[in-house]
Amino acid sequence: MPGCKKTTIRDIEKGYPAKQFIAKLRRLADCIEEGKMFRIQVAGERITVPPDAIINIEHEREEGIEEIEFQIKWPLLKD
């Protein structure tokens, strides 16, 4: 179909220096507070998070490792 975008599966994890991470979190927090969409580029792909995205925090613990994930989820729009 012309004009249809094919969605590919991605699972990328990227580390950032503390100052860059803090700046991204501040921008995200400002957008959430203001009810605006948040735009970010991850591994070369631009991503737009809608203001009504679901936000949650996940905690995992296994074999001597603990992890906290700040998750933002939203449905993909179909073309």
C-alpha atoms as a PDB file:
ATOM      1  CA  MET A   1       0.000   0.000   0.000  1.00  0.00           C
ATOM      2  CA  PRO A   2       1.389   3.397  -0.886  1.00  0.00           C
ATOM      3  CA  GLY A   3       1.962   5.698   2.064  1.00  0.00           C
ATOM      4  CA  CYS A   4       1.916   2.920   4.697  1.00  0.00           C
ATOM      5  CA  LYS A   5       4.746   2.875   7.171  1.00  0.00           C
ATOM      6  CA  LYS A   6       6.063  -0.537   8.202  1.00  0.00           C
ATOM      7  CA  THR A   7       6.758  -0.754  11.925  1.00  0.00           C
ATOM      8  CA  THR A   8       9.909  -2.609  12.846  1.00  0.00           C
ATOM      9  CA  ILE A   9      10.620  -4.163  16.211  1.00  0.00           C
ATOM     10  CA  ARG A  10      13.371  -2.420  18.183  1.00  0.00           C
ATOM     11  CA  ASP A  11      14.865  -3.056  21.595  1.00  0.00           C
ATOM     12  CA  ILE A  12      17.677  -0.602  22.230  1.00  0.00           C
ATOM     13  CA  GLU A  13      19.346   0.324  25.474  1.00  0.00           C
ATOM     14  CA  LYS A  14      21.709   3.291  25.496  1.00  0.00           C
ATOM     15  CA  GLY A  15      23.742   4.676  28.359  1.00  0.00           C
ATOM     16  CA  TYR A  16      24.259   8.412  28.904  1.00  0.00           C
ATOM     17  CA  PRO A  17      26.561  10.485  31.103  1.00  0.00           C
ATOM     18  CA  ALA A  18      24.684  11.797  34.146  1.00  0.00           C
ATOM     19  CA  LYS A  19      24.460  15.408  32.865  1.00  0.00           C
ATOM     20  CA  GLN A  20      22.900  14.343  29.534  1.00  0.00           C
ATOM     21  CA  PHE A  21      20.468  11.997  31.290  1.00  0.00           C
ATOM     22  CA  ILE A  22      19.420  14.746  33.693  1.00  0.00           C
ATOM     23  CA  ALA A  23      18.822  17.179  30.810  1.00  0.00           C
ATOM     24  CA  LYS A  24      16.622  14.624  29.014  1.00  0.00           C
ATOM     25  CA  LEU A  25      14.657  13.914  32.202  1.00  0.00           C
ATOM     26  CA  ARG A  26      14.114  17.643  32.775  1.00  0.00           C
ATOM     27  CA  ARG A  27      12.823  18.129  29.225  1.00  0.00           C
ATOM     28  CA  LEU A  28      10.543  15.098  29.646  1.00  0.00           C
ATOM     29  CA  ALA A  29       9.247  16.323  33.020  1.00  0.00           C
ATOM     30  CA  ASP A  30       8.527  19.784  31.578  1.00  0.00           C
ATOM     31  CA  CYS A  31       6.557  18.277  28.676  1.00  0.00           C
ATOM     32  CA  ILE A  32       4.558  16.004  30.986  1.00  0.00           C
ATOM     33  CA  GLU A  33       3.789  18.894  33.330  1.00  0.00           C
ATOM     34  CA  GLU A  34       2.711  21.145  30.459  1.00  0.00           C
ATOM     35  CA  GLY A  35       0.689  18.443  28.677  1.00  0.00           C
ATOM     36  CA  LYS A  36       2.880  18.671  25.567  1.00  0.00           C
ATOM     37  CA  MET A  37       4.313  15.986  23.328  1.00  0.00           C
ATOM     38  CA  PHE A  38       7.936  15.018  23.972  1.00  0.00           C
ATOM     39  CA  ARG A  39      10.404  14.512  21.131  1.00  0.00           C
ATOM     40  CA  ILE A  40      13.637  12.576  21.473  1.00  0.00           C
ATOM     41  CA  GLN A  41      16.105  10.865  19.166  1.00  0.00           C
ATOM     42  CA  VAL A  42      17.261   7.376  20.138  1.00  0.00           C
ATOM     43  CA  ALA A  43      19.939   5.586  18.104  1.00  0.00           C
ATOM     44  CA  GLY A  44      19.212   7.710  15.036  1.00  0.00           C
ATOM     45  CA  GLU A  45      15.410   7.434  15.139  1.00  0.00           C
ATOM     46  CA  ARG A  46      13.226  10.400  16.060  1.00  0.00           C
ATOM     47  CA  ILE A  47      10.423   9.499  18.427  1.00  0.00           C
ATOM     48  CA  THR A  48       7.426  11.594  19.456  1.00  0.00           C
ATOM     49  CA  VAL A  49       5.737  10.721  22.731  1.00  0.00           C
ATOM     50  CA  PRO A  50       2.117  11.913  22.899  1.00  0.00           C
ATOM     51  CA  PRO A  51       1.001  13.882  25.962  1.00  0.00           C
ATOM     52  CA  ASP A  52      -1.509  11.160  26.920  1.00  0.00           C
ATOM     53  CA  ALA A  53       1.081   8.358  27.050  1.00  0.00           C
ATOM     54  CA  ILE A  54       0.932   5.974  30.007  1.00  0.00           C
ATOM     55  CA  ILE A  55       3.799   6.475  32.460  1.00  0.00           C
ATOM     56  CA  ASN A  56       4.896   3.861  34.977  1.00  0.00           C
ATOM     57  CA  ILE A  57       7.893   2.786  37.006  1.00  0.00           C
ATOM     58  CA  GLU A  58       9.059  -0.828  37.051  1.00  0.00           C
ATOM     59  CA  HIS A  59      11.397  -2.440  39.589  1.00  0.00           C
ATOM     60  CA  GLU A  60      13.164  -5.732  38.944  1.00  0.00           C
ATOM     61  CA  ARG A  61      15.504  -7.758  41.128  1.00  0.00           C
ATOM     62  CA  GLU A  62      17.341 -10.927  40.130  1.00  0.00           C
ATOM     63  CA  GLU A  63      20.641 -12.614  40.994  1.00  0.00           C
ATOM     64  CA  GLY A  64      22.299  -9.683  42.739  1.00  0.00           C
ATOM     65  CA  ILE A  65      21.113  -7.003  40.287  1.00  0.00           C
ATOM     66  CA  GLU A  66      18.388  -4.428  40.798  1.00  0.00           C
ATOM     67  CA  GLU A  67      16.862  -2.338  38.050  1.00  0.00           C
ATOM     68  CA  ILE A  68      14.425   0.563  37.910  1.00  0.00           C
ATOM     69  CA  GLU A  69      12.851   1.426  34.565  1.00  0.00           C
ATOM     70  CA  PHE A  70      10.881   4.559  33.877  1.00  0.00           C
ATOM     71  CA  GLN A  71       8.488   3.480  31.127  1.00  0.00           C
ATOM     72  CA  ILE A  72       6.363   5.512  28.779  1.00  0.00           C
ATOM     73  CA  LYS A  73       3.886   3.597  26.598  1.00  0.00           C
ATOM     74  CA  TRP A  74       1.389   4.590  23.932  1.00  0.00           C
ATOM     75  CA  PRO A  75      -0.387   2.856  21.067  1.00  0.00           C
ATOM     76  CA  LEU A  76       1.041   3.188  17.569  1.00  0.00           C
ATOM     77  CA  LEU A  77      -1.132   5.110  15.177  1.00  0.00           C
ATOM     78  CA  LYS A  78      -2.129   3.192  12.069  1.00  0.00           C
ATOM     79  CA  ASP A  79      -1.789   4.928   8.710  1.00  0.00           C
END
